[in-house]
């Protein structure tokens, strides 16, 4: 799957906007992808010219659950 992601990013690089969301911090991607060369290539394409938005706070699902009194 990591090579598929790299291929998509290569095809889109400098041509199209790409939005990526993750609950995994960028600093943990090398460990998760488990292939340093591919991880470097993926991160190079994602991080270069990227706008990063880091959200803080509790999960909206958790807040909604608390208000409704229902469980998942």
PDB file of N, CA and C in Angstrom:
ATOM      1  N   UNK A   1       0.804  -1.200   0.000  1.00  0.00           N
ATOM      2  CA  UNK A   1       0.000   0.000   0.000  1.00  0.00           C
ATOM      3  C   UNK A   1       0.849   1.267   0.000  1.00  0.00           C
ATOM      4  N   UNK A   2       2.009   1.192   0.646  1.00  0.00           N
ATOM      5  CA  UNK A   2       2.850   2.390   0.709  1.00  0.00           C
ATOM      6  C   UNK A   2       3.354   2.770  -0.680  1.00  0.00           C
ATOM      7  N   UNK A   3       3.626   1.788  -1.522  1.00  0.00           N
ATOM      8  CA  UNK A   3       4.072   2.107  -2.891  1.00  0.00           C
ATOM      9  C   UNK A   3       2.919   2.691  -3.715  1.00  0.00           C
ATOM     10  N   UNK A   4       1.692   2.246  -3.446  1.00  0.00           N
ATOM     11  CA  UNK A   4       0.522   2.825  -4.118  1.00  0.00           C
ATOM     12  C   UNK A   4       0.373   4.293  -3.737  1.00  0.00           C
ATOM     13  N   UNK A   5       0.540   4.582  -2.442  1.00  0.00           N
ATOM     14  CA  UNK A   5       0.465   5.971  -1.981  1.00  0.00           C
ATOM     15  C   UNK A   5       1.549   6.807  -2.647  1.00  0.00           C
ATOM     16  N   UNK A   6       2.752   6.292  -2.705  1.00  0.00           N
ATOM     17  CA  UNK A   6       3.852   7.012  -3.351  1.00  0.00           C
ATOM     18  C   UNK A   6       3.541   7.277  -4.821  1.00  0.00           C
ATOM     19  N   UNK A   7       2.990   6.297  -5.501  1.00  0.00           N
ATOM     20  CA  UNK A   7       2.650   6.472  -6.917  1.00  0.00           C
ATOM     21  C   UNK A   7       1.604   7.569  -7.102  1.00  0.00           C
ATOM     22  N   UNK A   8       0.599   7.586  -6.259  1.00  0.00           N
ATOM     23  CA  UNK A   8      -0.434   8.628  -6.329  1.00  0.00           C
ATOM     24  C   UNK A   8       0.189   9.999  -6.097  1.00  0.00           C
ATOM     25  N   UNK A   9       1.033  10.098  -5.067  1.00  0.00           N
ATOM     26  CA  UNK A   9       1.667  11.379  -4.764  1.00  0.00           C
ATOM     27  C   UNK A   9       2.576  11.837  -5.895  1.00  0.00           C
ATOM     28  N   UNK A  10       3.304  10.916  -6.500  1.00  0.00           N
ATOM     29  CA  UNK A  10       4.167  11.266  -7.637  1.00  0.00           C
ATOM     30  C   UNK A  10       3.343  11.781  -8.812  1.00  0.00           C
ATOM     31  N   UNK A  11       2.218  11.138  -9.082  1.00  0.00           N
ATOM     32  CA  UNK A  11       1.356  11.556 -10.191  1.00  0.00           C
ATOM     33  C   UNK A  11       0.767  12.945  -9.962  1.00  0.00           C
ATOM     34  N   UNK A  12       0.510  13.297  -8.714  1.00  0.00           N
ATOM     35  CA  UNK A  12      -0.150  14.558  -8.396  1.00  0.00           C
ATOM     36  C   UNK A  12       0.830  15.696  -8.096  1.00  0.00           C
ATOM     37  N   UNK A  13       2.078  15.363  -7.799  1.00  0.00           N
ATOM     38  CA  UNK A  13       3.056  16.345  -7.341  1.00  0.00           C
ATOM     39  C   UNK A  13       3.209  17.492  -8.338  1.00  0.00           C
ATOM     40  N   UNK A  14       3.061  18.704  -7.845  1.00  0.00           N
ATOM     41  CA  UNK A  14       3.155  19.948  -8.625  1.00  0.00           C
ATOM     42  C   UNK A  14       2.060  20.098  -9.686  1.00  0.00           C
ATOM     43  N   UNK A  15       1.074  19.212  -9.707  1.00  0.00           N
ATOM     44  CA  UNK A  15      -0.013  19.311 -10.678  1.00  0.00           C
ATOM     45  C   UNK A  15      -1.370  19.527 -10.021  1.00  0.00           C
ATOM     46  N   UNK A  16      -1.594  18.886  -8.890  1.00  0.00           N
ATOM     47  CA  UNK A  16      -2.896  18.908  -8.224  1.00  0.00           C
ATOM     48  C   UNK A  16      -2.709  19.087  -6.726  1.00  0.00           C
ATOM     49  N   UNK A  17      -3.711  19.658  -6.108  1.00  0.00           N
ATOM     50  CA  UNK A  17      -3.714  19.744  -4.646  1.00  0.00           C
ATOM     51  C   UNK A  17      -4.036  18.359  -4.085  1.00  0.00           C
ATOM     52  N   UNK A  18      -3.420  18.047  -2.974  1.00  0.00           N
ATOM     53  CA  UNK A  18      -3.654  16.759  -2.327  1.00  0.00           C
ATOM     54  C   UNK A  18      -3.882  17.005  -0.850  1.00  0.00           C
ATOM     55  N   UNK A  19      -4.970  16.491  -0.335  1.00  0.00           N
ATOM     56  CA  UNK A  19      -5.308  16.633   1.075  1.00  0.00           C
ATOM     57  C   UNK A  19      -5.127  15.287   1.754  1.00  0.00           C
ATOM     58  N   UNK A  20      -4.359  15.290   2.828  1.00  0.00           N
ATOM     59  CA  UNK A  20      -4.104  14.064   3.582  1.00  0.00           C
ATOM     60  C   UNK A  20      -4.468  14.325   5.030  1.00  0.00           C
ATOM     61  N   UNK A  21      -5.227  13.420   5.618  1.00  0.00           N
ATOM     62  CA  UNK A  21      -5.532  13.512   7.044  1.00  0.00           C
ATOM     63  C   UNK A  21      -4.991  12.271   7.732  1.00  0.00           C
ATOM     64  N   UNK A  22      -4.554  12.466   8.963  1.00  0.00           N
ATOM     65  CA  UNK A  22      -4.004  11.341   9.708  1.00  0.00           C
ATOM     66  C   UNK A  22      -4.078  11.629  11.194  1.00  0.00           C
ATOM     67  N   UNK A  23      -4.321  10.594  11.954  1.00  0.00           N
ATOM     68  CA  UNK A  23      -4.240  10.712  13.404  1.00  0.00           C
ATOM     69  C   UNK A  23      -2.825  10.411  13.879  1.00  0.00           C
ATOM     70  N   UNK A  24      -1.981   9.947  12.972  1.00  0.00           N
ATOM     71  CA  UNK A  24      -0.604   9.599  13.284  1.00  0.00           C
ATOM     72  C   UNK A  24       0.283  10.815  13.022  1.00  0.00           C
ATOM     73  N   UNK A  25       1.024  11.281  14.026  1.00  0.00           N
ATOM     74  CA  UNK A  25       1.909  12.431  13.818  1.00  0.00           C
ATOM     75  C   UNK A  25       2.961  12.135  12.743  1.00  0.00           C
ATOM     76  N   UNK A  26       3.340  13.149  11.991  1.00  0.00           N
ATOM     77  CA  UNK A  26       4.314  12.996  10.908  1.00  0.00           C
ATOM     78  C   UNK A  26       5.595  12.338  11.405  1.00  0.00           C
ATOM     79  N   UNK A  27       6.020  12.679  12.615  1.00  0.00           N
ATOM     80  CA  UNK A  27       7.272  12.114  13.132  1.00  0.00           C
ATOM     81  C   UNK A  27       7.201  10.599  13.353  1.00  0.00           C
ATOM     82  N   UNK A  28       6.014  10.006  13.299  1.00  0.00           N
ATOM     83  CA  UNK A  28       5.858   8.551  13.459  1.00  0.00           C
ATOM     84  C   UNK A  28       5.651   7.817  12.133  1.00  0.00           C
ATOM     85  N   UNK A  29       5.616   8.529  11.027  1.00  0.00           N
ATOM     86  CA  UNK A  29       5.337   7.900   9.741  1.00  0.00           C
ATOM     87  C   UNK A  29       6.431   6.931   9.302  1.00  0.00           C
ATOM     88  N   UNK A  30       7.696   7.250   9.559  1.00  0.00           N
ATOM     89  CA  UNK A  30       8.776   6.330   9.161  1.00  0.00           C
ATOM     90  C   UNK A  30       8.587   4.964   9.815  1.00  0.00           C
ATOM     91  N   UNK A  31       8.291   4.974  11.091  1.00  0.00           N
ATOM     92  CA  UNK A  31       8.081   3.713  11.810  1.00  0.00           C
ATOM     93  C   UNK A  31       6.868   2.970  11.255  1.00  0.00           C
ATOM     94  N   UNK A  32       5.788   3.691  11.001  1.00  0.00           N
ATOM     95  CA  UNK A  32       4.559   3.072  10.511  1.00  0.00           C
ATOM     96  C   UNK A  32       4.738   2.504   9.096  1.00  0.00           C
ATOM     97  N   UNK A  33       5.384   3.266   8.220  1.00  0.00           N
ATOM     98  CA  UNK A  33       5.556   2.828   6.834  1.00  0.00           C
ATOM     99  C   UNK A  33       6.583   1.707   6.704  1.00  0.00           C
ATOM    100  N   UNK A  34       7.486   1.603   7.651  1.00  0.00           N
ATOM    101  CA  UNK A  34       8.409   0.468   7.764  1.00  0.00           C
ATOM    102  C   UNK A  34       9.274   0.243   6.521  1.00  0.00           C
ATOM    103  N   UNK A  35       9.553   1.297   5.799  1.00  0.00           N
ATOM    104  CA  UNK A  35      10.468   1.243   4.657  1.00  0.00           C
ATOM    105  C   UNK A  35      11.066   2.641   4.534  1.00  0.00           C
ATOM    106  N   UNK A  36      12.267   2.855   5.057  1.00  0.00           N
ATOM    107  CA  UNK A  36      12.843   4.199   5.123  1.00  0.00           C
ATOM    108  C   UNK A  36      12.912   4.928   3.784  1.00  0.00           C
ATOM    109  N   UNK A  37      13.233   4.225   2.723  1.00  0.00           N
ATOM    110  CA  UNK A  37      13.351   4.866   1.414  1.00  0.00           C
ATOM    111  C   UNK A  37      11.999   5.359   0.917  1.00  0.00           C
ATOM    112  N   UNK A  38      10.994   4.513   0.994  1.00  0.00           N
ATOM    113  CA  UNK A  38       9.651   4.895   0.557  1.00  0.00           C
ATOM    114  C   UNK A  38       9.087   5.971   1.484  1.00  0.00           C
ATOM    115  N   UNK A  39       9.316   5.836   2.781  1.00  0.00           N
ATOM    116  CA  UNK A  39       8.837   6.839   3.742  1.00  0.00           C
ATOM    117  C   UNK A  39       9.445   8.202   3.436  1.00  0.00           C
ATOM    118  N   UNK A  40      10.745   8.246   3.148  1.00  0.00           N
ATOM    119  CA  UNK A  40      11.394   9.512   2.788  1.00  0.00           C
ATOM    120  C   UNK A  40      10.757  10.120   1.542  1.00  0.00           C
ATOM    121  N   UNK A  41      10.504   9.290   0.539  1.00  0.00           N
ATOM    122  CA  UNK A  41       9.917   9.780  -0.711  1.00  0.00           C
ATOM    123  C   UNK A  41       8.503  10.307  -0.486  1.00  0.00           C
ATOM    124  N   UNK A  42       7.708   9.582   0.280  1.00  0.00           N
ATOM    125  CA  UNK A  42       6.336  10.004   0.570  1.00  0.00           C
ATOM    126  C   UNK A  42       6.337  11.313   1.345  1.00  0.00           C
ATOM    127  N   UNK A  43       7.123  11.367   2.407  1.00  0.00           N
ATOM    128  CA  UNK A  43       7.149  12.570   3.239  1.00  0.00           C
ATOM    129  C   UNK A  43       7.720  13.760   2.491  1.00  0.00           C
ATOM    130  N   UNK A  44       8.702  13.535   1.637  1.00  0.00           N
ATOM    131  CA  UNK A  44       9.258  14.622   0.837  1.00  0.00           C
ATOM    132  C   UNK A  44       8.178  15.259  -0.031  1.00  0.00           C
ATOM    133  N   UNK A  45       7.340  14.441  -0.629  1.00  0.00           N
ATOM    134  CA  UNK A  45       6.287  14.961  -1.500  1.00  0.00           C
ATOM    135  C   UNK A  45       5.139  15.588  -0.711  1.00  0.00           C
ATOM    136  N   UNK A  46       4.873  15.067   0.476  1.00  0.00           N
ATOM    137  CA  UNK A  46       3.784  15.616   1.289  1.00  0.00           C
ATOM    138  C   UNK A  46       4.179  16.888   2.033  1.00  0.00           C
ATOM    139  N   UNK A  47       5.363  16.909   2.590  1.00  0.00           N
ATOM    140  CA  UNK A  47       5.764  18.007   3.462  1.00  0.00           C
ATOM    141  C   UNK A  47       6.194  19.243   2.681  1.00  0.00           C
ATOM    142  N   UNK A  48       6.822  19.042   1.526  1.00  0.00           N
ATOM    143  CA  UNK A  48       7.267  20.172   0.709  1.00  0.00           C
ATOM    144  C   UNK A  48       6.059  21.018   0.299  1.00  0.00           C
ATOM    145  N   UNK A  49       6.067  22.283   0.642  1.00  0.00           N
ATOM    146  CA  UNK A  49       4.976  23.228   0.344  1.00  0.00           C
ATOM    147  C   UNK A  49       3.660  22.888   1.036  1.00  0.00           C
ATOM    148  N   UNK A  50       3.708  22.132   2.117  1.00  0.00           N
ATOM    149  CA  UNK A  50       2.474  21.720   2.806  1.00  0.00           C
ATOM    150  C   UNK A  50       1.994  22.787   3.785  1.00  0.00           C
ATOM    151  N   UNK A  51       0.698  22.823   3.961  1.00  0.00           N
ATOM    152  CA  UNK A  51       0.071  23.572   5.045  1.00  0.00           C
ATOM    153  C   UNK A  51      -0.368  22.531   6.056  1.00  0.00           C
ATOM    154  N   UNK A  52       0.169  22.618   7.260  1.00  0.00           N
ATOM    155  CA  UNK A  52      -0.182  21.637   8.290  1.00  0.00           C
ATOM    156  C   UNK A  52      -1.132  22.277   9.288  1.00  0.00           C
ATOM    157  N   UNK A  53      -2.186  21.563   9.611  1.00  0.00           N
ATOM    158  CA  UNK A  53      -3.162  21.997  10.606  1.00  0.00           C
ATOM    159  C   UNK A  53      -3.234  20.907  11.657  1.00  0.00           C
ATOM    160  N   UNK A  54      -2.882  21.259  12.872  1.00  0.00           N
ATOM    161  CA  UNK A  54      -2.918  20.281  13.958  1.00  0.00           C
ATOM    162  C   UNK A  54      -4.073  20.658  14.889  1.00  0.00           C
ATOM    163  N   UNK A  55      -5.030  19.772  14.991  1.00  0.00           N
ATOM    164  CA  UNK A  55      -6.194  20.015  15.831  1.00  0.00           C
ATOM    165  C   UNK A  55      -5.932  19.538  17.246  1.00  0.00           C
ATOM    166  N   UNK A  56      -6.481  20.267  18.191  1.00  0.00           N
ATOM    167  CA  UNK A  56      -6.353  19.888  19.598  1.00  0.00           C
ATOM    168  C   UNK A  56      -7.748  19.744  20.179  1.00  0.00           C
ATOM    169  N   UNK A  57      -7.836  19.051  21.283  1.00  0.00           N
ATOM    170  CA  UNK A  57      -9.122  18.930  21.954  1.00  0.00           C
ATOM    171  C   UNK A  57      -9.658  17.517  21.907  1.00  0.00           C
ATOM    172  N   UNK A  58     -10.764  17.359  22.561  1.00  0.00           N
ATOM    173  CA  UNK A  58     -11.395  16.046  22.636  1.00  0.00           C
ATOM    174  C   UNK A  58     -12.089  15.688  21.330  1.00  0.00           C
ATOM    175  N   UNK A  59     -12.318  14.421  21.168  1.00  0.00           N
ATOM    176  CA  UNK A  59     -13.039  13.911  20.015  1.00  0.00           C
ATOM    177  C   UNK A  59     -14.464  14.459  20.010  1.00  0.00           C
ATOM    178  N   UNK A  60     -14.938  14.867  18.842  1.00  0.00           N
ATOM    179  CA  UNK A  60     -16.321  15.343  18.723  1.00  0.00           C
ATOM    180  C   UNK A  60     -17.296  14.201  19.000  1.00  0.00           C
ATOM    181  N   UNK A  61     -16.929  12.982  18.646  1.00  0.00           N
ATOM    182  CA  UNK A  61     -17.788  11.829  18.937  1.00  0.00           C
ATOM    183  C   UNK A  61     -17.943  11.655  20.437  1.00  0.00           C
ATOM    184  N   UNK A  62     -16.851  11.829  21.144  1.00  0.00           N
ATOM    185  CA  UNK A  62     -16.889  11.689  22.599  1.00  0.00           C
ATOM    186  C   UNK A  62     -17.778  12.769  23.217  1.00  0.00           C
ATOM    187  N   UNK A  63     -17.660  13.990  22.722  1.00  0.00           N
ATOM    188  CA  UNK A  63     -18.495  15.078  23.231  1.00  0.00           C
ATOM    189  C   UNK A  63     -19.970  14.807  22.942  1.00  0.00           C
ATOM    190  N   UNK A  64     -20.267  14.362  21.726  1.00  0.00           N
ATOM    191  CA  UNK A  64     -21.644  14.065  21.343  1.00  0.00           C
ATOM    192  C   UNK A  64     -22.203  12.930  22.196  1.00  0.00           C
ATOM    193  N   UNK A  65     -21.396  11.906  22.429  1.00  0.00           N
ATOM    194  CA  UNK A  65     -21.794  10.767  23.246  1.00  0.00           C
ATOM    195  C   UNK A  65     -22.129  11.217  24.663  1.00  0.00           C
ATOM    196  N   UNK A  66     -21.300  12.082  25.214  1.00  0.00           N
ATOM    197  CA  UNK A  66     -21.507  12.575  26.576  1.00  0.00           C
ATOM    198  C   UNK A  66     -22.815  13.364  26.674  1.00  0.00           C
ATOM    199  N   UNK A  67     -23.086  14.190  25.676  1.00  0.00           N
ATOM    200  CA  UNK A  67     -24.310  14.997  25.696  1.00  0.00           C
ATOM    201  C   UNK A  67     -25.568  14.157  25.532  1.00  0.00           C
ATOM    202  N   UNK A  68     -25.496  13.130  24.694  1.00  0.00           N
ATOM    203  CA  UNK A  68     -26.693  12.333  24.431  1.00  0.00           C
ATOM    204  C   UNK A  68     -26.908  11.246  25.476  1.00  0.00           C
ATOM    205  N   UNK A  69     -25.838  10.918  26.202  1.00  0.00           N
ATOM    206  CA  UNK A  69     -25.945   9.873  27.210  1.00  0.00           C
ATOM    207  C   UNK A  69     -25.961   8.474  26.628  1.00  0.00           C
ATOM    208  N   UNK A  70     -25.753   8.369  25.314  1.00  0.00           N
ATOM    209  CA  UNK A  70     -25.765   7.066  24.646  1.00  0.00           C
ATOM    210  C   UNK A  70     -24.350   6.537  24.513  1.00  0.00           C
ATOM    211  N   UNK A  71     -24.253   5.242  24.391  1.00  0.00           N
ATOM    212  CA  UNK A  71     -22.958   4.616  24.134  1.00  0.00           C
ATOM    213  C   UNK A  71     -22.968   4.017  22.741  1.00  0.00           C
ATOM    214  N   UNK A  72     -21.761   4.122  22.055  1.00  0.00           N
ATOM    215  CA  UNK A  72     -21.474   3.686  20.726  1.00  0.00           C
ATOM    216  C   UNK A  72     -22.244   2.649  20.105  1.00  0.00           C
TER     217      UNK A  72
END
